[in-house]
């Protein structure tokens, strides 16, 4: 009886959690298929009387979501590539080299995480403007390029698990430190790279504050700021916003379903190494 009760409680909790997670997505999907009049007069859980795709067309045309996709992909490609290289190199240097204030550097990364980002926005904005990056894609790229402590920690755990004998064998063959990193260390960091790409990519993909503040031009929309165009002082076009949200969710959902095993493997491997 105890085993049956435990099994029932487990599956009941899973079903409840699934409903709580999926219900908002179902509501958004139904709202995206309603006209404005129907959305205002019907309930959240009422099915659309007729399935319409006009909201999706409006999101792509008036919201310029196609251009937002392009800008988002450009920013992600450059920022994530730089994040992976910087994070992997930082982890390699911390683990393989002895230098003064080594522990202080690691502590500095931890302290930086504790500082709320909003408290440094004035100085950050002045730096970005001083470099001439304001209202360009490079502003978001430069800010996303910063490697956070989570990425460094993931890379560090994998680098520590790589035997130093491989480095010594490569040195005997005349390889430099850069060649060792490129030919020996980096290929063995594929699970960590996949994990960092997914985590950092999703965070940057959904970011609104940085593009909204540093890329205000209507010619430089990203996905998050494209949706913001349908809000105003006299209300918001929630049915069009819902269609835009569905458009934004689909790529992330597909990528997560395909690559979710890398997330779990990366975290569990980093925890046990």
C-alpha atoms as a PDB file:
ATOM      1  CA  UNK A   1       0.000   0.000   0.000  1.00  0.00           C
ATOM      2  CA  UNK A   2       2.826   2.413   0.811  1.00  0.00           C
ATOM      3  CA  UNK A   3       4.425   1.715  -2.559  1.00  0.00           C
ATOM      4  CA  UNK A   4       1.123   2.313  -4.386  1.00  0.00           C
ATOM      5  CA  UNK A   5       0.512   5.529  -2.431  1.00  0.00           C
ATOM      6  CA  UNK A   6       4.029   6.786  -3.181  1.00  0.00           C
ATOM      7  CA  UNK A   7       3.660   5.968  -6.880  1.00  0.00           C
ATOM      8  CA  UNK A   8       0.262   7.670  -7.032  1.00  0.00           C
ATOM      9  CA  UNK A   9       1.574  10.782  -5.301  1.00  0.00           C
ATOM     10  CA  UNK A  10       4.576  10.901  -7.645  1.00  0.00           C
ATOM     11  CA  UNK A  11       2.555  10.690 -10.835  1.00  0.00           C
ATOM     12  CA  UNK A  12      -0.110  13.030  -9.524  1.00  0.00           C
ATOM     13  CA  UNK A  13       2.510  15.675  -8.772  1.00  0.00           C
ATOM     14  CA  UNK A  14       3.993  15.209 -12.263  1.00  0.00           C
ATOM     15  CA  UNK A  15       0.592  15.621 -13.898  1.00  0.00           C
ATOM     16  CA  UNK A  16      -0.155  18.755 -11.847  1.00  0.00           C
ATOM     17  CA  UNK A  17       3.267  20.228 -12.658  1.00  0.00           C
ATOM     18  CA  UNK A  18       2.753  19.503 -16.371  1.00  0.00           C
ATOM     19  CA  UNK A  19      -0.652  21.187 -16.352  1.00  0.00           C
ATOM     20  CA  UNK A  20       0.703  24.255 -14.544  1.00  0.00           C
ATOM     21  CA  UNK A  21       3.553  24.497 -17.060  1.00  0.00           C
ATOM     22  CA  UNK A  22       1.552  23.873 -20.235  1.00  0.00           C
ATOM     23  CA  UNK A  23      -1.597  25.817 -19.370  1.00  0.00           C
ATOM     24  CA  UNK A  24      -0.114  29.310 -20.013  1.00  0.00           C
ATOM     25  CA  UNK A  25       1.271  28.099 -23.351  1.00  0.00           C
ATOM     26  CA  UNK A  26      -2.146  26.769 -24.367  1.00  0.00           C
ATOM     27  CA  UNK A  27      -3.790  30.072 -23.399  1.00  0.00           C
ATOM     28  CA  UNK A  28      -1.234  32.039 -25.447  1.00  0.00           C
ATOM     29  CA  UNK A  29      -1.716  29.750 -28.451  1.00  0.00           C
ATOM     30  CA  UNK A  30      -5.517  30.137 -28.331  1.00  0.00           C
ATOM     31  CA  UNK A  31      -5.213  33.909 -27.921  1.00  0.00           C
ATOM     32  CA  UNK A  32      -2.954  34.142 -30.977  1.00  0.00           C
ATOM     33  CA  UNK A  33      -5.685  32.541 -33.121  1.00  0.00           C
ATOM     34  CA  UNK A  34      -8.436  34.982 -32.086  1.00  0.00           C
ATOM     35  CA  UNK A  35      -9.380  38.305 -33.609  1.00  0.00           C
ATOM     36  CA  UNK A  36      -9.150  41.445 -31.488  1.00  0.00           C
ATOM     37  CA  UNK A  37     -12.906  41.601 -30.917  1.00  0.00           C
ATOM     38  CA  UNK A  38     -13.086  37.928 -30.011  1.00  0.00           C
ATOM     39  CA  UNK A  39     -10.143  38.222 -27.648  1.00  0.00           C
ATOM     40  CA  UNK A  40     -11.819  41.099 -25.784  1.00  0.00           C
ATOM     41  CA  UNK A  41     -15.198  39.375 -25.485  1.00  0.00           C
ATOM     42  CA  UNK A  42     -14.228  35.733 -24.881  1.00  0.00           C
ATOM     43  CA  UNK A  43     -12.670  34.016 -21.889  1.00  0.00           C
ATOM     44  CA  UNK A  44      -9.068  32.914 -21.606  1.00  0.00           C
ATOM     45  CA  UNK A  45      -9.946  29.242 -21.973  1.00  0.00           C
ATOM     46  CA  UNK A  46     -12.523  29.661 -24.748  1.00  0.00           C
ATOM     47  CA  UNK A  47     -11.538  28.078 -28.042  1.00  0.00           C
ATOM     48  CA  UNK A  48     -11.333  30.394 -31.081  1.00  0.00           C
ATOM     49  CA  UNK A  49     -14.520  30.438 -33.126  1.00  0.00           C
ATOM     50  CA  UNK A  50     -12.434  30.453 -36.318  1.00  0.00           C
ATOM     51  CA  UNK A  51      -8.708  29.825 -36.533  1.00  0.00           C
ATOM     52  CA  UNK A  52      -7.021  32.932 -37.995  1.00  0.00           C
ATOM     53  CA  UNK A  53      -3.407  33.553 -38.888  1.00  0.00           C
ATOM     54  CA  UNK A  54      -3.760  37.316 -39.342  1.00  0.00           C
ATOM     55  CA  UNK A  55      -2.039  37.975 -36.015  1.00  0.00           C
ATOM     56  CA  UNK A  56       1.052  36.085 -37.179  1.00  0.00           C
ATOM     57  CA  UNK A  57       1.137  38.101 -40.404  1.00  0.00           C
ATOM     58  CA  UNK A  58       0.829  41.337 -38.421  1.00  0.00           C
ATOM     59  CA  UNK A  59       3.634  40.259 -36.077  1.00  0.00           C
ATOM     60  CA  UNK A  60       5.954  39.608 -39.009  1.00  0.00           C
ATOM     61  CA  UNK A  61       5.066  42.747 -40.985  1.00  0.00           C
ATOM     62  CA  UNK A  62       4.296  45.508 -38.469  1.00  0.00           C
ATOM     63  CA  UNK A  63       6.564  44.047 -35.796  1.00  0.00           C
ATOM     64  CA  UNK A  64       9.373  43.345 -38.299  1.00  0.00           C
ATOM     65  CA  UNK A  65      10.048  40.032 -36.608  1.00  0.00           C
ATOM     66  CA  UNK A  66      11.950  38.705 -39.637  1.00  0.00           C
ATOM     67  CA  UNK A  67      14.505  41.498 -39.178  1.00  0.00           C
ATOM     68  CA  UNK A  68      14.407  40.817 -35.434  1.00  0.00           C
ATOM     69  CA  UNK A  69      15.281  37.170 -36.073  1.00  0.00           C
ATOM     70  CA  UNK A  70      18.216  38.178 -38.238  1.00  0.00           C
ATOM     71  CA  UNK A  71      19.601  40.683 -35.715  1.00  0.00           C
ATOM     72  CA  UNK A  72      19.109  38.202 -32.870  1.00  0.00           C
ATOM     73  CA  UNK A  73      20.947  35.430 -34.721  1.00  0.00           C
ATOM     74  CA  UNK A  74      23.867  37.731 -35.615  1.00  0.00           C
ATOM     75  CA  UNK A  75      24.224  38.898 -32.017  1.00  0.00           C
ATOM     76  CA  UNK A  76      23.955  35.347 -30.658  1.00  0.00           C
ATOM     77  CA  UNK A  77      26.485  33.901 -33.110  1.00  0.00           C
ATOM     78  CA  UNK A  78      29.197  36.446 -32.299  1.00  0.00           C
ATOM     79  CA  UNK A  79      28.488  36.715 -28.557  1.00  0.00           C
ATOM     80  CA  UNK A  80      28.257  32.981 -27.880  1.00  0.00           C
ATOM     81  CA  UNK A  81      31.393  32.206 -29.895  1.00  0.00           C
ATOM     82  CA  UNK A  82      33.296  34.795 -27.891  1.00  0.00           C
ATOM     83  CA  UNK A  83      31.803  33.567 -24.614  1.00  0.00           C
ATOM     84  CA  UNK A  84      32.904  29.986 -25.291  1.00  0.00           C
ATOM     85  CA  UNK A  85      36.449  30.999 -26.234  1.00  0.00           C
ATOM     86  CA  UNK A  86      36.877  33.405 -23.320  1.00  0.00           C
ATOM     87  CA  UNK A  87      35.353  31.001 -20.795  1.00  0.00           C
ATOM     88  CA  UNK A  88      37.379  27.988 -21.992  1.00  0.00           C
ATOM     89  CA  UNK A  89      40.620  29.990 -22.074  1.00  0.00           C
ATOM     90  CA  UNK A  90      39.944  31.397 -18.609  1.00  0.00           C
ATOM     91  CA  UNK A  91      39.312  27.929 -17.182  1.00  0.00           C
ATOM     92  CA  UNK A  92      42.448  26.574 -18.897  1.00  0.00           C
ATOM     93  CA  UNK A  93      44.597  29.385 -17.505  1.00  0.00           C
ATOM     94  CA  UNK A  94      43.212  29.044 -13.970  1.00  0.00           C
ATOM     95  CA  UNK A  95      43.702  25.279 -13.848  1.00  0.00           C
ATOM     96  CA  UNK A  96      46.971  24.833 -15.737  1.00  0.00           C
ATOM     97  CA  UNK A  97      49.041  27.885 -14.754  1.00  0.00           C
ATOM     98  CA  UNK A  98      50.380  29.178 -11.465  1.00  0.00           C
ATOM     99  CA  UNK A  99      50.456  32.954 -11.113  1.00  0.00           C
ATOM    100  CA  UNK A 100      50.192  35.611  -8.460  1.00  0.00           C
ATOM    101  CA  UNK A 101      46.744  36.388  -7.077  1.00  0.00           C
ATOM    102  CA  UNK A 102      45.304  33.285  -8.711  1.00  0.00           C
ATOM    103  CA  UNK A 103      42.805  32.743  -5.907  1.00  0.00           C
ATOM    104  CA  UNK A 104      42.009  36.456  -5.878  1.00  0.00           C
ATOM    105  CA  UNK A 105      41.002  36.274  -9.551  1.00  0.00           C
ATOM    106  CA  UNK A 106      38.572  33.435  -8.845  1.00  0.00           C
ATOM    107  CA  UNK A 107      37.160  35.334  -5.853  1.00  0.00           C
ATOM    108  CA  UNK A 108      36.796  38.442  -8.026  1.00  0.00           C
ATOM    109  CA  UNK A 109      34.585  36.484 -10.438  1.00  0.00           C
ATOM    110  CA  UNK A 110      32.411  35.377  -7.529  1.00  0.00           C
ATOM    111  CA  UNK A 111      32.183  38.894  -6.112  1.00  0.00           C
ATOM    112  CA  UNK A 112      31.211  40.271  -9.535  1.00  0.00           C
ATOM    113  CA  UNK A 113      28.251  37.896  -9.618  1.00  0.00           C
ATOM    114  CA  UNK A 114      27.011  39.272  -6.286  1.00  0.00           C
ATOM    115  CA  UNK A 115      26.889  42.851  -7.610  1.00  0.00           C
ATOM    116  CA  UNK A 116      23.413  43.628  -9.044  1.00  0.00           C
ATOM    117  CA  UNK A 117      23.730  44.545 -12.697  1.00  0.00           C
ATOM    118  CA  UNK A 118      21.364  47.494 -12.381  1.00  0.00           C
ATOM    119  CA  UNK A 119      23.786  49.273 -10.016  1.00  0.00           C
ATOM    120  CA  UNK A 120      26.454  49.446 -12.726  1.00  0.00           C
ATOM    121  CA  UNK A 121      24.234  50.499 -15.640  1.00  0.00           C
ATOM    122  CA  UNK A 122      25.211  54.181 -15.520  1.00  0.00           C
ATOM    123  CA  UNK A 123      28.916  53.378 -15.826  1.00  0.00           C
ATOM    124  CA  UNK A 124      28.205  50.667 -18.415  1.00  0.00           C
ATOM    125  CA  UNK A 125      26.128  53.055 -20.512  1.00  0.00           C
ATOM    126  CA  UNK A 126      28.882  55.684 -20.407  1.00  0.00           C
ATOM    127  CA  UNK A 127      31.488  53.133 -21.498  1.00  0.00           C
ATOM    128  CA  UNK A 128      29.341  51.834 -24.348  1.00  0.00           C
ATOM    129  CA  UNK A 129      28.624  55.383 -25.521  1.00  0.00           C
ATOM    130  CA  UNK A 130      32.284  56.382 -25.191  1.00  0.00           C
ATOM    131  CA  UNK A 131      33.313  53.461 -27.398  1.00  0.00           C
ATOM    132  CA  UNK A 132      30.833  54.524 -30.059  1.00  0.00           C
ATOM    133  CA  UNK A 133      28.835  51.299 -29.783  1.00  0.00           C
ATOM    134  CA  UNK A 134      25.524  52.842 -28.758  1.00  0.00           C
ATOM    135  CA  UNK A 135      22.634  52.067 -31.117  1.00  0.00           C
ATOM    136  CA  UNK A 136      24.595  49.357 -32.912  1.00  0.00           C
ATOM    137  CA  UNK A 137      24.586  45.566 -32.717  1.00  0.00           C
ATOM    138  CA  UNK A 138      28.046  45.713 -31.152  1.00  0.00           C
ATOM    139  CA  UNK A 139      26.612  47.194 -27.956  1.00  0.00           C
ATOM    140  CA  UNK A 140      24.569  44.043 -27.261  1.00  0.00           C
ATOM    141  CA  UNK A 141      27.379  41.801 -28.509  1.00  0.00           C
ATOM    142  CA  UNK A 142      29.919  43.408 -26.171  1.00  0.00           C
ATOM    143  CA  UNK A 143      27.599  43.105 -23.160  1.00  0.00           C
ATOM    144  CA  UNK A 144      26.582  39.511 -23.949  1.00  0.00           C
ATOM    145  CA  UNK A 145      30.224  38.620 -24.568  1.00  0.00           C
ATOM    146  CA  UNK A 146      31.044  38.782 -20.887  1.00  0.00           C
ATOM    147  CA  UNK A 147      31.570  35.288 -19.512  1.00  0.00           C
ATOM    148  CA  UNK A 148      29.650  34.643 -16.306  1.00  0.00           C
ATOM    149  CA  UNK A 149      30.912  32.546 -13.410  1.00  0.00           C
ATOM    150  CA  UNK A 150      28.547  29.669 -14.291  1.00  0.00           C
ATOM    151  CA  UNK A 151      30.212  29.244 -17.674  1.00  0.00           C
ATOM    152  CA  UNK A 152      33.680  29.444 -16.156  1.00  0.00           C
ATOM    153  CA  UNK A 153      32.717  26.927 -13.467  1.00  0.00           C
ATOM    154  CA  UNK A 154      31.367  24.460 -16.046  1.00  0.00           C
ATOM    155  CA  UNK A 155      34.511  24.743 -18.160  1.00  0.00           C
ATOM    156  CA  UNK A 156      36.740  24.560 -15.087  1.00  0.00           C
ATOM    157  CA  UNK A 157      35.259  21.256 -13.932  1.00  0.00           C
ATOM    158  CA  UNK A 158      35.868  19.669 -17.328  1.00  0.00           C
ATOM    159  CA  UNK A 159      39.406  21.071 -17.660  1.00  0.00           C
ATOM    160  CA  UNK A 160      40.307  19.670 -14.240  1.00  0.00           C
ATOM    161  CA  UNK A 161      39.146  16.229 -15.384  1.00  0.00           C
ATOM    162  CA  UNK A 162      41.513  16.265 -18.383  1.00  0.00           C
ATOM    163  CA  UNK A 163      44.802  14.554 -17.395  1.00  0.00           C
ATOM    164  CA  UNK A 164      47.780  16.888 -17.350  1.00  0.00           C
ATOM    165  CA  UNK A 165      49.793  14.069 -18.922  1.00  0.00           C
ATOM    166  CA  UNK A 166      48.158  14.982 -22.223  1.00  0.00           C
ATOM    167  CA  UNK A 167      49.613  18.489 -21.940  1.00  0.00           C
ATOM    168  CA  UNK A 168      53.053  17.093 -21.126  1.00  0.00           C
ATOM    169  CA  UNK A 169      52.933  14.698 -24.064  1.00  0.00           C
ATOM    170  CA  UNK A 170      52.024  17.565 -26.386  1.00  0.00           C
ATOM    171  CA  UNK A 171      54.885  19.676 -24.975  1.00  0.00           C
ATOM    172  CA  UNK A 172      57.331  16.876 -25.765  1.00  0.00           C
ATOM    173  CA  UNK A 173      56.154  17.112 -29.372  1.00  0.00           C
ATOM    174  CA  UNK A 174      56.976  20.815 -29.373  1.00  0.00           C
ATOM    175  CA  UNK A 175      53.415  22.150 -29.013  1.00  0.00           C
ATOM    176  CA  UNK A 176      52.935  25.612 -27.546  1.00  0.00           C
ATOM    177  CA  UNK A 177      50.347  26.414 -24.894  1.00  0.00           C
ATOM    178  CA  UNK A 178      48.042  27.844 -27.558  1.00  0.00           C
ATOM    179  CA  UNK A 179      48.407  24.707 -29.678  1.00  0.00           C
ATOM    180  CA  UNK A 180      47.724  22.503 -26.625  1.00  0.00           C
ATOM    181  CA  UNK A 181      44.565  24.453 -25.879  1.00  0.00           C
ATOM    182  CA  UNK A 182      43.361  24.352 -29.485  1.00  0.00           C
ATOM    183  CA  UNK A 183      44.254  20.743 -30.321  1.00  0.00           C
ATOM    184  CA  UNK A 184      44.015  18.932 -26.965  1.00  0.00           C
ATOM    185  CA  UNK A 185      41.831  20.811 -24.485  1.00  0.00           C
ATOM    186  CA  UNK A 186      39.158  22.378 -26.685  1.00  0.00           C
ATOM    187  CA  UNK A 187      38.065  19.148 -28.467  1.00  0.00           C
ATOM    188  CA  UNK A 188      37.566  17.470 -25.078  1.00  0.00           C
ATOM    189  CA  UNK A 189      35.279  20.287 -23.901  1.00  0.00           C
ATOM    190  CA  UNK A 190      32.455  19.551 -26.352  1.00  0.00           C
ATOM    191  CA  UNK A 191      29.869  18.604 -23.649  1.00  0.00           C
ATOM    192  CA  UNK A 192      30.727  21.739 -21.674  1.00  0.00           C
ATOM    193  CA  UNK A 193      30.585  23.878 -24.819  1.00  0.00           C
ATOM    194  CA  UNK A 194      27.141  22.493 -25.702  1.00  0.00           C
ATOM    195  CA  UNK A 195      25.886  23.235 -22.176  1.00  0.00           C
ATOM    196  CA  UNK A 196      27.239  26.800 -22.156  1.00  0.00           C
ATOM    197  CA  UNK A 197      25.894  27.496 -25.655  1.00  0.00           C
ATOM    198  CA  UNK A 198      22.389  26.389 -24.666  1.00  0.00           C
ATOM    199  CA  UNK A 199      22.304  28.226 -21.323  1.00  0.00           C
ATOM    200  CA  UNK A 200      23.912  31.430 -22.591  1.00  0.00           C
ATOM    201  CA  UNK A 201      22.016  31.273 -25.869  1.00  0.00           C
ATOM    202  CA  UNK A 202      18.602  31.019 -24.221  1.00  0.00           C
ATOM    203  CA  UNK A 203      19.416  33.834 -21.796  1.00  0.00           C
ATOM    204  CA  UNK A 204      20.592  36.145 -24.596  1.00  0.00           C
ATOM    205  CA  UNK A 205      17.740  35.095 -26.896  1.00  0.00           C
ATOM    206  CA  UNK A 206      15.144  36.157 -24.331  1.00  0.00           C
ATOM    207  CA  UNK A 207      16.957  39.308 -23.157  1.00  0.00           C
ATOM    208  CA  UNK A 208      14.909  42.495 -23.399  1.00  0.00           C
ATOM    209  CA  UNK A 209      16.585  45.106 -21.224  1.00  0.00           C
ATOM    210  CA  UNK A 210      19.942  45.357 -23.024  1.00  0.00           C
ATOM    211  CA  UNK A 211      18.572  45.601 -26.611  1.00  0.00           C
ATOM    212  CA  UNK A 212      15.847  47.997 -25.474  1.00  0.00           C
ATOM    213  CA  UNK A 213      18.323  50.328 -23.765  1.00  0.00           C
ATOM    214  CA  UNK A 214      21.326  50.115 -26.093  1.00  0.00           C
ATOM    215  CA  UNK A 215      19.598  49.517 -29.466  1.00  0.00           C
ATOM    216  CA  UNK A 216      16.587  51.893 -29.474  1.00  0.00           C
ATOM    217  CA  UNK A 217      16.497  52.414 -33.245  1.00  0.00           C
ATOM    218  CA  UNK A 218      13.477  50.973 -35.061  1.00  0.00           C
ATOM    219  CA  UNK A 219      15.910  49.673 -37.685  1.00  0.00           C
ATOM    220  CA  UNK A 220      17.662  47.464 -35.091  1.00  0.00           C
ATOM    221  CA  UNK A 221      14.911  45.321 -33.588  1.00  0.00           C
ATOM    222  CA  UNK A 222      15.487  41.991 -31.918  1.00  0.00           C
ATOM    223  CA  UNK A 223      12.760  39.500 -31.096  1.00  0.00           C
ATOM    224  CA  UNK A 224      12.018  40.870 -27.628  1.00  0.00           C
ATOM    225  CA  UNK A 225      11.842  44.520 -28.724  1.00  0.00           C
ATOM    226  CA  UNK A 226       9.756  43.563 -31.776  1.00  0.00           C
ATOM    227  CA  UNK A 227       7.004  42.351 -29.443  1.00  0.00           C
ATOM    228  CA  UNK A 228       7.226  45.588 -27.473  1.00  0.00           C
ATOM    229  CA  UNK A 229       6.057  47.538 -30.544  1.00  0.00           C
ATOM    230  CA  UNK A 230       2.500  46.296 -29.975  1.00  0.00           C
ATOM    231  CA  UNK A 231       2.175  48.049 -26.595  1.00  0.00           C
ATOM    232  CA  UNK A 232       1.223  51.670 -26.123  1.00  0.00           C
ATOM    233  CA  UNK A 233      -0.164  54.221 -23.665  1.00  0.00           C
ATOM    234  CA  UNK A 234      -3.754  53.348 -24.654  1.00  0.00           C
ATOM    235  CA  UNK A 235      -3.502  49.585 -24.471  1.00  0.00           C
ATOM    236  CA  UNK A 236      -1.801  46.648 -26.080  1.00  0.00           C
ATOM    237  CA  UNK A 237      -2.614  44.311 -28.958  1.00  0.00           C
ATOM    238  CA  UNK A 238      -2.454  41.198 -26.819  1.00  0.00           C
ATOM    239  CA  UNK A 239      -3.593  38.840 -29.567  1.00  0.00           C
ATOM    240  CA  UNK A 240      -0.714  39.995 -31.805  1.00  0.00           C
ATOM    241  CA  UNK A 241       1.712  39.816 -28.891  1.00  0.00           C
ATOM    242  CA  UNK A 242       0.514  36.262 -28.243  1.00  0.00           C
ATOM    243  CA  UNK A 243       1.234  35.370 -31.876  1.00  0.00           C
ATOM    244  CA  UNK A 244       4.695  36.885 -31.564  1.00  0.00           C
ATOM    245  CA  UNK A 245       5.323  34.946 -28.361  1.00  0.00           C
ATOM    246  CA  UNK A 246       4.402  31.701 -30.129  1.00  0.00           C
ATOM    247  CA  UNK A 247       6.814  32.576 -32.946  1.00  0.00           C
ATOM    248  CA  UNK A 248       9.584  33.239 -30.417  1.00  0.00           C
ATOM    249  CA  UNK A 249       8.884  30.069 -28.426  1.00  0.00           C
ATOM    250  CA  UNK A 250       8.954  27.622 -31.356  1.00  0.00           C
ATOM    251  CA  UNK A 251      12.731  27.809 -32.113  1.00  0.00           C
ATOM    252  CA  UNK A 252      13.719  27.577 -28.447  1.00  0.00           C
ATOM    253  CA  UNK A 253      11.328  24.668 -27.898  1.00  0.00           C
ATOM    254  CA  UNK A 254      12.716  22.721 -30.848  1.00  0.00           C
ATOM    255  CA  UNK A 255      16.335  23.390 -29.849  1.00  0.00           C
ATOM    256  CA  UNK A 256      15.682  22.389 -26.246  1.00  0.00           C
ATOM    257  CA  UNK A 257      13.942  19.138 -27.238  1.00  0.00           C
ATOM    258  CA  UNK A 258      16.824  18.191 -29.537  1.00  0.00           C
ATOM    259  CA  UNK A 259      19.677  19.242 -27.242  1.00  0.00           C
ATOM    260  CA  UNK A 260      18.256  18.739 -23.743  1.00  0.00           C
ATOM    261  CA  UNK A 261      20.473  15.712 -23.070  1.00  0.00           C
ATOM    262  CA  UNK A 262      23.540  17.942 -23.408  1.00  0.00           C
ATOM    263  CA  UNK A 263      22.222  20.224 -20.666  1.00  0.00           C
ATOM    264  CA  UNK A 264      21.681  17.371 -18.224  1.00  0.00           C
ATOM    265  CA  UNK A 265      24.924  15.613 -19.162  1.00  0.00           C
ATOM    266  CA  UNK A 266      26.897  18.819 -18.881  1.00  0.00           C
ATOM    267  CA  UNK A 267      25.573  19.679 -15.418  1.00  0.00           C
ATOM    268  CA  UNK A 268      25.868  16.164 -14.016  1.00  0.00           C
ATOM    269  CA  UNK A 269      29.339  15.648 -15.445  1.00  0.00           C
ATOM    270  CA  UNK A 270      30.464  19.007 -14.119  1.00  0.00           C
ATOM    271  CA  UNK A 271      29.095  18.127 -10.691  1.00  0.00           C
ATOM    272  CA  UNK A 272      30.800  14.735 -10.466  1.00  0.00           C
ATOM    273  CA  UNK A 273      34.184  15.495 -11.996  1.00  0.00           C
END
